[in-house]
PDB file of N, CA and C in Angstrom:
ATOM      1  N   UNK A   1     -70.080 -49.625  -7.926  1.00  0.00           N
ATOM      2  CA  UNK A   1     -71.091 -48.227  -7.866  1.00  0.00           C
ATOM      3  C   UNK A   1     -70.764 -48.114  -9.508  1.00  0.00           C
ATOM      4  N   UNK A   2     -71.884 -47.963 -10.241  1.00  0.00           N
ATOM      5  CA  UNK A   2     -71.901 -47.404 -11.470  1.00  0.00           C
ATOM      6  C   UNK A   2     -71.636 -45.842 -11.588  1.00  0.00           C
ATOM      7  N   UNK A   3     -70.866 -45.668 -12.443  1.00  0.00           N
ATOM      8  CA  UNK A   3     -70.383 -44.296 -12.598  1.00  0.00           C
ATOM      9  C   UNK A   3     -70.692 -43.652 -13.972  1.00  0.00           C
ATOM     10  N   UNK A   4     -71.090 -42.718 -14.206  1.00  0.00           N
ATOM     11  CA  UNK A   4     -71.136 -41.932 -15.514  1.00  0.00           C
ATOM     12  C   UNK A   4     -69.804 -41.643 -16.164  1.00  0.00           C
ATOM     13  N   UNK A   5     -68.802 -41.844 -15.369  1.00  0.00           N
ATOM     14  CA  UNK A   5     -67.436 -41.606 -15.941  1.00  0.00           C
ATOM     15  C   UNK A   5     -67.089 -42.729 -16.840  1.00  0.00           C
ATOM     16  N   UNK A   6     -67.685 -44.024 -16.956  1.00  0.00           N
ATOM     17  CA  UNK A   6     -67.251 -44.915 -17.851  1.00  0.00           C
ATOM     18  C   UNK A   6     -68.018 -44.686 -19.203  1.00  0.00           C
ATOM     19  N   UNK A   7     -68.865 -43.697 -19.154  1.00  0.00           N
ATOM     20  CA  UNK A   7     -69.284 -43.437 -20.712  1.00  0.00           C
ATOM     21  C   UNK A   7     -68.650 -42.153 -21.196  1.00  0.00           C
ATOM     22  N   UNK A   8     -67.612 -41.550 -20.666  1.00  0.00           N
ATOM     23  CA  UNK A   8     -66.701 -40.586 -20.929  1.00  0.00           C
ATOM     24  C   UNK A   8     -65.837 -41.179 -22.153  1.00  0.00           C
ATOM     25  N   UNK A   9     -65.319 -40.484 -23.156  1.00  0.00           N
ATOM     26  CA  UNK A   9     -64.220 -40.814 -23.966  1.00  0.00           C
ATOM     27  C   UNK A   9     -62.867 -40.789 -23.171  1.00  0.00           C
ATOM     28  N   UNK A  10     -61.891 -41.514 -23.566  1.00  0.00           N
ATOM     29  CA  UNK A  10     -60.632 -41.643 -23.116  1.00  0.00           C
ATOM     30  C   UNK A  10     -60.497 -42.151 -21.649  1.00  0.00           C
ATOM     31  N   UNK A  11     -61.344 -42.575 -20.966  1.00  0.00           N
ATOM     32  CA  UNK A  11     -61.360 -42.938 -19.716  1.00  0.00           C
ATOM     33  C   UNK A  11     -61.570 -44.584 -19.611  1.00  0.00           C
ATOM     34  N   UNK A  12     -60.798 -45.225 -18.901  1.00  0.00           N
ATOM     35  CA  UNK A  12     -60.912 -46.557 -18.840  1.00  0.00           C
ATOM     36  C   UNK A  12     -60.837 -46.878 -17.034  1.00  0.00           C
ATOM     37  N   UNK A  13     -60.762 -48.150 -16.930  1.00  0.00           N
ATOM     38  CA  UNK A  13     -61.024 -48.456 -15.329  1.00  0.00           C
ATOM     39  C   UNK A  13     -59.792 -48.035 -14.494  1.00  0.00           C
ATOM     40  N   UNK A  14     -58.613 -47.886 -15.026  1.00  0.00           N
ATOM     41  CA  UNK A  14     -57.525 -47.491 -14.479  1.00  0.00           C
ATOM     42  C   UNK A  14     -57.628 -45.905 -14.029  1.00  0.00           C
ATOM     43  N   UNK A  15     -57.810 -45.031 -15.150  1.00  0.00           N
ATOM     44  CA  UNK A  15     -58.068 -43.669 -14.855  1.00  0.00           C
ATOM     45  C   UNK A  15     -59.230 -43.293 -14.131  1.00  0.00           C
ATOM     46  N   UNK A  16     -60.231 -43.900 -14.017  1.00  0.00           N
ATOM     47  CA  UNK A  16     -61.390 -43.787 -13.216  1.00  0.00           C
ATOM     48  C   UNK A  16     -61.222 -43.977 -11.902  1.00  0.00           C
ATOM     49  N   UNK A  17     -60.316 -45.187 -11.473  1.00  0.00           N
ATOM     50  CA  UNK A  17     -59.952 -45.362 -10.232  1.00  0.00           C
ATOM     51  C   UNK A  17     -59.135 -44.370  -9.614  1.00  0.00           C
ATOM     52  N   UNK A  18     -58.182 -43.821 -10.470  1.00  0.00           N
ATOM     53  CA  UNK A  18     -57.053 -42.734  -9.971  1.00  0.00           C
ATOM     54  C   UNK A  18     -58.219 -41.507  -9.658  1.00  0.00           C
ATOM     55  N   UNK A  19     -59.154 -41.425 -10.431  1.00  0.00           N
ATOM     56  CA  UNK A  19     -60.002 -40.118 -10.363  1.00  0.00           C
ATOM     57  C   UNK A  19     -60.962 -40.268  -9.150  1.00  0.00           C
ATOM     58  N   UNK A  20     -61.386 -41.582  -8.747  1.00  0.00           N
ATOM     59  CA  UNK A  20     -62.168 -41.847  -7.623  1.00  0.00           C
ATOM     60  C   UNK A  20     -61.358 -41.575  -6.416  1.00  0.00           C
ATOM     61  N   UNK A  21     -59.829 -41.793  -6.721  1.00  0.00           N
ATOM     62  CA  UNK A  21     -58.792 -41.680  -5.409  1.00  0.00           C
ATOM     63  C   UNK A  21     -58.768 -40.336  -5.063  1.00  0.00           C
ATOM     64  N   UNK A  22     -59.007 -39.335  -5.751  1.00  0.00           N
ATOM     65  CA  UNK A  22     -59.024 -37.935  -5.539  1.00  0.00           C
ATOM     66  C   UNK A  22     -60.488 -37.280  -5.412  1.00  0.00           C
ATOM     67  N   UNK A  23     -61.559 -38.081  -5.173  1.00  0.00           N
ATOM     68  CA  UNK A  23     -62.838 -37.544  -5.113  1.00  0.00           C
ATOM     69  C   UNK A  23     -63.580 -37.341  -6.285  1.00  0.00           C
ATOM     70  N   UNK A  24     -63.175 -37.794  -7.346  1.00  0.00           N
ATOM     71  CA  UNK A  24     -63.893 -37.460  -8.657  1.00  0.00           C
ATOM     72  C   UNK A  24     -64.877 -38.754  -8.762  1.00  0.00           C
ATOM     73  N   UNK A  25     -66.055 -38.685  -8.662  1.00  0.00           N
ATOM     74  CA  UNK A  25     -67.265 -39.805  -8.682  1.00  0.00           C
ATOM     75  C   UNK A  25     -67.992 -39.652  -9.940  1.00  0.00           C
ATOM     76  N   UNK A  26     -68.175 -38.417 -10.585  1.00  0.00           N
ATOM     77  CA  UNK A  26     -69.105 -38.388 -11.683  1.00  0.00           C
ATOM     78  C   UNK A  26     -68.419 -37.215 -12.756  1.00  0.00           C
ATOM     79  N   UNK A  27     -69.018 -37.414 -13.686  1.00  0.00           N
ATOM     80  CA  UNK A  27     -68.904 -36.657 -14.807  1.00  0.00           C
ATOM     81  C   UNK A  27     -68.928 -34.826 -14.309  1.00  0.00           C
ATOM     82  N   UNK A  28     -69.745 -34.737 -13.182  1.00  0.00           N
ATOM     83  CA  UNK A  28     -69.930 -33.456 -12.652  1.00  0.00           C
ATOM     84  C   UNK A  28     -68.954 -33.146 -11.732  1.00  0.00           C
ATOM     85  N   UNK A  29     -68.397 -34.100 -11.062  1.00  0.00           N
ATOM     86  CA  UNK A  29     -67.288 -33.998 -10.300  1.00  0.00           C
ATOM     87  C   UNK A  29     -66.033 -33.343 -11.167  1.00  0.00           C
ATOM     88  N   UNK A  30     -65.868 -34.127 -12.323  1.00  0.00           N
ATOM     89  CA  UNK A  30     -64.625 -33.838 -13.217  1.00  0.00           C
ATOM     90  C   UNK A  30     -64.764 -32.413 -13.758  1.00  0.00           C
ATOM     91  N   UNK A  31     -65.932 -32.099 -14.132  1.00  0.00           N
ATOM     92  CA  UNK A  31     -66.286 -30.877 -14.725  1.00  0.00           C
ATOM     93  C   UNK A  31     -66.001 -29.638 -13.664  1.00  0.00           C
ATOM     94  N   UNK A  32     -66.441 -29.703 -12.442  1.00  0.00           N
ATOM     95  CA  UNK A  32     -66.023 -28.964 -11.376  1.00  0.00           C
ATOM     96  C   UNK A  32     -64.681 -28.763 -11.018  1.00  0.00           C
ATOM     97  N   UNK A  33     -63.824 -29.924 -11.079  1.00  0.00           N
ATOM     98  CA  UNK A  33     -62.535 -29.859 -10.805  1.00  0.00           C
ATOM     99  C   UNK A  33     -61.513 -29.501 -11.923  1.00  0.00           C
ATOM    100  N   UNK A  34     -62.146 -29.820 -13.119  1.00  0.00           N
ATOM    101  CA  UNK A  34     -61.328 -29.468 -14.331  1.00  0.00           C
ATOM    102  C   UNK A  34     -60.173 -30.523 -14.616  1.00  0.00           C
ATOM    103  N   UNK A  35     -59.759 -30.623 -15.891  1.00  0.00           N
ATOM    104  CA  UNK A  35     -58.782 -31.658 -15.991  1.00  0.00           C
ATOM    105  C   UNK A  35     -57.445 -31.358 -15.700  1.00  0.00           C
ATOM    106  N   UNK A  36     -56.934 -29.862 -15.521  1.00  0.00           N
ATOM    107  CA  UNK A  36     -55.561 -29.620 -15.123  1.00  0.00           C
ATOM    108  C   UNK A  36     -55.548 -29.975 -13.530  1.00  0.00           C
ATOM    109  N   UNK A  37     -56.551 -29.569 -12.668  1.00  0.00           N
ATOM    110  CA  UNK A  37     -56.525 -29.801 -11.270  1.00  0.00           C
ATOM    111  C   UNK A  37     -56.554 -31.223 -11.140  1.00  0.00           C
ATOM    112  N   UNK A  38     -57.253 -32.104 -11.772  1.00  0.00           N
ATOM    113  CA  UNK A  38     -57.558 -33.616 -11.560  1.00  0.00           C
ATOM    114  C   UNK A  38     -56.175 -34.075 -11.733  1.00  0.00           C
ATOM    115  N   UNK A  39     -55.484 -33.744 -13.110  1.00  0.00           N
ATOM    116  CA  UNK A  39     -54.322 -34.314 -13.211  1.00  0.00           C
ATOM    117  C   UNK A  39     -53.081 -33.935 -12.246  1.00  0.00           C
ATOM    118  N   UNK A  40     -53.125 -32.848 -11.793  1.00  0.00           N
ATOM    119  CA  UNK A  40     -52.051 -32.527 -10.877  1.00  0.00           C
ATOM    120  C   UNK A  40     -52.252 -33.283  -9.404  1.00  0.00           C
ATOM    121  N   UNK A  41     -53.564 -33.263  -9.060  1.00  0.00           N
ATOM    122  CA  UNK A  41     -53.783 -34.135  -7.793  1.00  0.00           C
ATOM    123  C   UNK A  41     -53.659 -35.382  -7.952  1.00  0.00           C
ATOM    124  N   UNK A  42     -53.695 -36.176  -9.008  1.00  0.00           N
ATOM    125  CA  UNK A  42     -53.492 -37.420  -9.350  1.00  0.00           C
ATOM    126  C   UNK A  42     -51.880 -37.487  -9.188  1.00  0.00           C
ATOM    127  N   UNK A  43     -51.092 -36.741  -9.902  1.00  0.00           N
ATOM    128  CA  UNK A  43     -49.679 -36.863  -9.841  1.00  0.00           C
ATOM    129  C   UNK A  43     -49.373 -36.508  -8.534  1.00  0.00           C
ATOM    130  N   UNK A  44     -49.827 -35.758  -7.922  1.00  0.00           N
ATOM    131  CA  UNK A  44     -49.685 -35.499  -6.375  1.00  0.00           C
ATOM    132  C   UNK A  44     -49.613 -36.439  -5.306  1.00  0.00           C
ATOM    133  N   UNK A  45     -50.291 -37.610  -5.543  1.00  0.00           N
ATOM    134  CA  UNK A  45     -50.524 -38.646  -5.194  1.00  0.00           C
ATOM    135  C   UNK A  45     -49.359 -39.716  -5.210  1.00  0.00           C
ATOM    136  N   UNK A  46     -48.480 -39.290  -6.150  1.00  0.00           N
ATOM    137  CA  UNK A  46     -47.403 -40.261  -6.459  1.00  0.00           C
ATOM    138  C   UNK A  46     -47.419 -41.221  -7.521  1.00  0.00           C
ATOM    139  N   UNK A  47     -48.577 -40.979  -8.234  1.00  0.00           N
ATOM    140  CA  UNK A  47     -49.013 -41.976  -9.479  1.00  0.00           C
ATOM    141  C   UNK A  47     -48.272 -41.354 -10.723  1.00  0.00           C
ATOM    142  N   UNK A  48     -47.448 -42.235 -11.050  1.00  0.00           N
ATOM    143  CA  UNK A  48     -46.724 -41.958 -12.361  1.00  0.00           C
ATOM    144  C   UNK A  48     -47.498 -41.875 -13.752  1.00  0.00           C
ATOM    145  N   UNK A  49     -47.636 -40.813 -14.130  1.00  0.00           N
ATOM    146  CA  UNK A  49     -48.774 -40.517 -15.241  1.00  0.00           C
ATOM    147  C   UNK A  49     -47.867 -39.553 -16.212  1.00  0.00           C
ATOM    148  N   UNK A  50     -48.391 -39.833 -17.543  1.00  0.00           N
ATOM    149  CA  UNK A  50     -47.973 -38.956 -18.521  1.00  0.00           C
ATOM    150  C   UNK A  50     -48.870 -37.836 -18.870  1.00  0.00           C
ATOM    151  N   UNK A  51     -48.570 -37.275 -19.758  1.00  0.00           N
ATOM    152  CA  UNK A  51     -49.223 -35.971 -20.080  1.00  0.00           C
ATOM    153  C   UNK A  51     -50.361 -36.418 -20.926  1.00  0.00           C
ATOM    154  N   UNK A  52     -50.463 -37.678 -21.553  1.00  0.00           N
ATOM    155  CA  UNK A  52     -51.498 -38.124 -22.193  1.00  0.00           C
ATOM    156  C   UNK A  52     -52.501 -38.127 -21.193  1.00  0.00           C
ATOM    157  N   UNK A  53     -52.612 -38.522 -20.041  1.00  0.00           N
ATOM    158  CA  UNK A  53     -53.402 -38.524 -19.073  1.00  0.00           C
ATOM    159  C   UNK A  53     -54.389 -37.077 -18.952  1.00  0.00           C
ATOM    160  N   UNK A  54     -53.487 -35.966 -19.028  1.00  0.00           N
ATOM    161  CA  UNK A  54     -53.937 -34.636 -18.912  1.00  0.00           C
ATOM    162  C   UNK A  54     -54.916 -34.258 -20.328  1.00  0.00           C
ATOM    163  N   UNK A  55     -54.369 -34.974 -21.338  1.00  0.00           N
ATOM    164  CA  UNK A  55     -55.073 -34.575 -22.531  1.00  0.00           C
ATOM    165  C   UNK A  55     -56.378 -35.434 -22.505  1.00  0.00           C
ATOM    166  N   UNK A  56     -56.197 -36.869 -22.197  1.00  0.00           N
ATOM    167  CA  UNK A  56     -57.412 -37.460 -21.900  1.00  0.00           C
ATOM    168  C   UNK A  56     -58.480 -37.147 -21.004  1.00  0.00           C
ATOM    169  N   UNK A  57     -58.150 -36.494 -19.820  1.00  0.00           N
ATOM    170  CA  UNK A  57     -59.174 -35.746 -19.059  1.00  0.00           C
ATOM    171  C   UNK A  57     -59.745 -34.674 -19.655  1.00  0.00           C
ATOM    172  N   UNK A  58     -59.148 -33.754 -20.334  1.00  0.00           N
ATOM    173  CA  UNK A  58     -59.711 -32.609 -21.067  1.00  0.00           C
ATOM    174  C   UNK A  58     -60.527 -33.149 -22.060  1.00  0.00           C
ATOM    175  N   UNK A  59     -60.134 -34.342 -23.084  1.00  0.00           N
ATOM    176  CA  UNK A  59     -61.029 -34.818 -24.099  1.00  0.00           C
ATOM    177  C   UNK A  59     -62.203 -35.432 -23.449  1.00  0.00           C
ATOM    178  N   UNK A  60     -62.165 -36.073 -22.209  1.00  0.00           N
ATOM    179  CA  UNK A  60     -63.334 -36.625 -21.528  1.00  0.00           C
ATOM    180  C   UNK A  60     -64.302 -35.450 -21.430  1.00  0.00           C
ATOM    181  N   UNK A  61     -63.995 -34.536 -20.990  1.00  0.00           N
ATOM    182  CA  UNK A  61     -64.865 -33.349 -20.663  1.00  0.00           C
ATOM    183  C   UNK A  61     -65.473 -32.641 -21.771  1.00  0.00           C
ATOM    184  N   UNK A  62     -64.656 -32.724 -22.888  1.00  0.00           N
ATOM    185  CA  UNK A  62     -65.180 -32.060 -24.243  1.00  0.00           C
ATOM    186  C   UNK A  62     -65.556 -33.039 -25.290  1.00  0.00           C
ATOM    187  N   UNK A  63     -65.506 -34.408 -25.018  1.00  0.00           N
ATOM    188  CA  UNK A  63     -66.152 -35.508 -25.903  1.00  0.00           C
ATOM    189  C   UNK A  63     -65.308 -35.550 -27.070  1.00  0.00           C
ATOM    190  N   UNK A  64     -63.973 -35.491 -26.780  1.00  0.00           N
ATOM    191  CA  UNK A  64     -62.832 -35.321 -27.928  1.00  0.00           C
ATOM    192  C   UNK A  64     -61.756 -36.555 -27.395  1.00  0.00           C
ATOM    193  N   UNK A  65     -61.619 -37.223 -28.537  1.00  0.00           N
ATOM    194  CA  UNK A  65     -60.275 -38.283 -28.291  1.00  0.00           C
ATOM    195  C   UNK A  65     -59.206 -37.494 -28.048  1.00  0.00           C
ATOM    196  N   UNK A  66     -58.410 -37.884 -27.109  1.00  0.00           N
ATOM    197  CA  UNK A  66     -57.259 -37.001 -26.656  1.00  0.00           C
ATOM    198  C   UNK A  66     -56.254 -36.754 -27.869  1.00  0.00           C
ATOM    199  N   UNK A  67     -56.218 -37.845 -28.833  1.00  0.00           N
ATOM    200  CA  UNK A  67     -55.353 -37.664 -29.807  1.00  0.00           C
ATOM    201  C   UNK A  67     -55.850 -36.576 -30.965  1.00  0.00           C
ATOM    202  N   UNK A  68     -57.051 -36.121 -30.868  1.00  0.00           N
ATOM    203  CA  UNK A  68     -57.784 -35.192 -31.767  1.00  0.00           C
ATOM    204  C   UNK A  68     -57.524 -33.804 -31.325  1.00  0.00           C
ATOM    205  N   UNK A  69     -56.956 -33.757 -30.129  1.00  0.00           N
ATOM    206  CA  UNK A  69     -56.867 -32.424 -29.566  1.00  0.00           C
ATOM    207  C   UNK A  69     -55.843 -31.407 -30.309  1.00  0.00           C
ATOM    208  N   UNK A  70     -55.888 -30.429 -30.647  1.00  0.00           N
ATOM    209  CA  UNK A  70     -54.866 -29.696 -31.496  1.00  0.00           C
ATOM    210  C   UNK A  70     -53.786 -29.261 -30.603  1.00  0.00           C
ATOM    211  N   UNK A  71     -52.751 -28.959 -31.095  1.00  0.00           N
ATOM    212  CA  UNK A  71     -51.330 -28.763 -30.393  1.00  0.00           C
ATOM    213  C   UNK A  71     -51.242 -27.656 -29.460  1.00  0.00           C
ATOM    214  N   UNK A  72     -52.217 -26.655 -30.012  1.00  0.00           N
ATOM    215  CA  UNK A  72     -52.291 -25.326 -28.906  1.00  0.00           C
ATOM    216  C   UNK A  72     -52.854 -25.574 -27.763  1.00  0.00           C
ATOM    217  N   UNK A  73     -53.992 -26.660 -27.918  1.00  0.00           N
ATOM    218  CA  UNK A  73     -54.656 -26.985 -26.530  1.00  0.00           C
ATOM    219  C   UNK A  73     -53.781 -27.740 -25.632  1.00  0.00           C
ATOM    220  N   UNK A  74     -53.122 -28.698 -26.357  1.00  0.00           N
ATOM    221  CA  UNK A  74     -52.226 -29.591 -25.761  1.00  0.00           C
ATOM    222  C   UNK A  74     -51.098 -28.633 -25.066  1.00  0.00           C
ATOM    223  N   UNK A  75     -50.564 -27.642 -25.487  1.00  0.00           N
ATOM    224  CA  UNK A  75     -49.520 -26.851 -24.987  1.00  0.00           C
ATOM    225  C   UNK A  75     -50.207 -26.054 -24.024  1.00  0.00           C
ATOM    226  N   UNK A  76     -51.201 -25.403 -24.141  1.00  0.00           N
ATOM    227  CA  UNK A  76     -52.027 -24.508 -22.928  1.00  0.00           C
ATOM    228  C   UNK A  76     -52.217 -25.678 -21.820  1.00  0.00           C
ATOM    229  N   UNK A  77     -52.795 -26.860 -21.982  1.00  0.00           N
ATOM    230  CA  UNK A  77     -52.763 -27.665 -20.758  1.00  0.00           C
ATOM    231  C   UNK A  77     -51.594 -27.915 -20.109  1.00  0.00           C
ATOM    232  N   UNK A  78     -50.522 -28.274 -20.562  1.00  0.00           N
ATOM    233  CA  UNK A  78     -49.233 -28.368 -20.300  1.00  0.00           C
ATOM    234  C   UNK A  78     -48.741 -27.229 -19.358  1.00  0.00           C
ATOM    235  N   UNK A  79     -48.980 -26.057 -20.133  1.00  0.00           N
ATOM    236  CA  UNK A  79     -48.519 -24.923 -19.339  1.00  0.00           C
ATOM    237  C   UNK A  79     -49.254 -24.770 -18.075  1.00  0.00           C
ATOM    238  N   UNK A  80     -50.569 -24.749 -17.957  1.00  0.00           N
ATOM    239  CA  UNK A  80     -51.412 -24.635 -16.909  1.00  0.00           C
ATOM    240  C   UNK A  80     -50.948 -25.624 -15.791  1.00  0.00           C
ATOM    241  N   UNK A  81     -50.701 -26.956 -16.105  1.00  0.00           N
ATOM    242  CA  UNK A  81     -50.433 -27.997 -15.271  1.00  0.00           C
ATOM    243  C   UNK A  81     -49.134 -27.781 -14.701  1.00  0.00           C
ATOM    244  N   UNK A  82     -47.975 -27.156 -15.392  1.00  0.00           N
ATOM    245  CA  UNK A  82     -46.828 -26.995 -15.027  1.00  0.00           C
ATOM    246  C   UNK A  82     -47.088 -25.742 -14.140  1.00  0.00           C
ATOM    247  N   UNK A  83     -47.697 -24.914 -14.390  1.00  0.00           N
ATOM    248  CA  UNK A  83     -47.922 -23.464 -13.392  1.00  0.00           C
ATOM    249  C   UNK A  83     -48.588 -23.955 -12.118  1.00  0.00           C
ATOM    250  N   UNK A  84     -49.445 -24.926 -11.927  1.00  0.00           N
ATOM    251  CA  UNK A  84     -49.995 -25.391 -10.933  1.00  0.00           C
ATOM    252  C   UNK A  84     -49.086 -26.189 -10.285  1.00  0.00           C
ATOM    253  N   UNK A  85     -48.522 -27.212 -10.769  1.00  0.00           N
ATOM    254  CA  UNK A  85     -47.398 -28.036 -10.162  1.00  0.00           C
ATOM    255  C   UNK A  85     -46.396 -27.105  -9.407  1.00  0.00           C
ATOM    256  N   UNK A  86     -46.005 -25.992 -10.009  1.00  0.00           N
ATOM    257  CA  UNK A  86     -44.942 -25.195  -9.602  1.00  0.00           C
ATOM    258  C   UNK A  86     -45.417 -24.250  -8.501  1.00  0.00           C
ATOM    259  N   UNK A  87     -46.845 -23.819  -8.388  1.00  0.00           N
ATOM    260  CA  UNK A  87     -47.317 -22.967  -7.369  1.00  0.00           C
ATOM    261  C   UNK A  87     -47.628 -24.034  -5.985  1.00  0.00           C
ATOM    262  N   UNK A  88     -47.777 -25.291  -6.261  1.00  0.00           N
ATOM    263  CA  UNK A  88     -48.094 -26.048  -5.156  1.00  0.00           C
ATOM    264  C   UNK A  88     -47.035 -26.497  -4.422  1.00  0.00           C
ATOM    265  N   UNK A  89     -45.475 -26.577  -5.246  1.00  0.00           N
ATOM    266  CA  UNK A  89     -44.422 -26.807  -4.711  1.00  0.00           C
ATOM    267  C   UNK A  89     -43.962 -25.440  -3.685  1.00  0.00           C
ATOM    268  N   UNK A  90     -44.340 -24.366  -4.017  1.00  0.00           N
ATOM    269  CA  UNK A  90     -44.104 -23.128  -3.445  1.00  0.00           C
ATOM    270  C   UNK A  90     -44.930 -22.806  -2.156  1.00  0.00           C
ATOM    271  N   UNK A  91     -46.201 -23.408  -1.987  1.00  0.00           N
ATOM    272  CA  UNK A  91     -46.824 -23.205  -1.135  1.00  0.00           C
ATOM    273  C   UNK A  91     -46.660 -23.885   0.354  1.00  0.00           C
TER     274      UNK A  91
END
């Protein structure tokens, strides 16, 4: 099945497969879920990923190479992911 995810910056076959595993099949699905939620769900499946995936997902949604994100954006994404991860552990 062809997916518009392949057209997004920063995403390759592996990251697209991870996205599909959490139910993200399209750009629209990714926009609805958001980078932080998608990243957290992928990690929640036991897949060992680095923070670069979080940046890449955000960059895919904003048409920005992950390495071009400013430090403040990266810090905010990490804080949101950490907060989401902590809240799911206590739930």
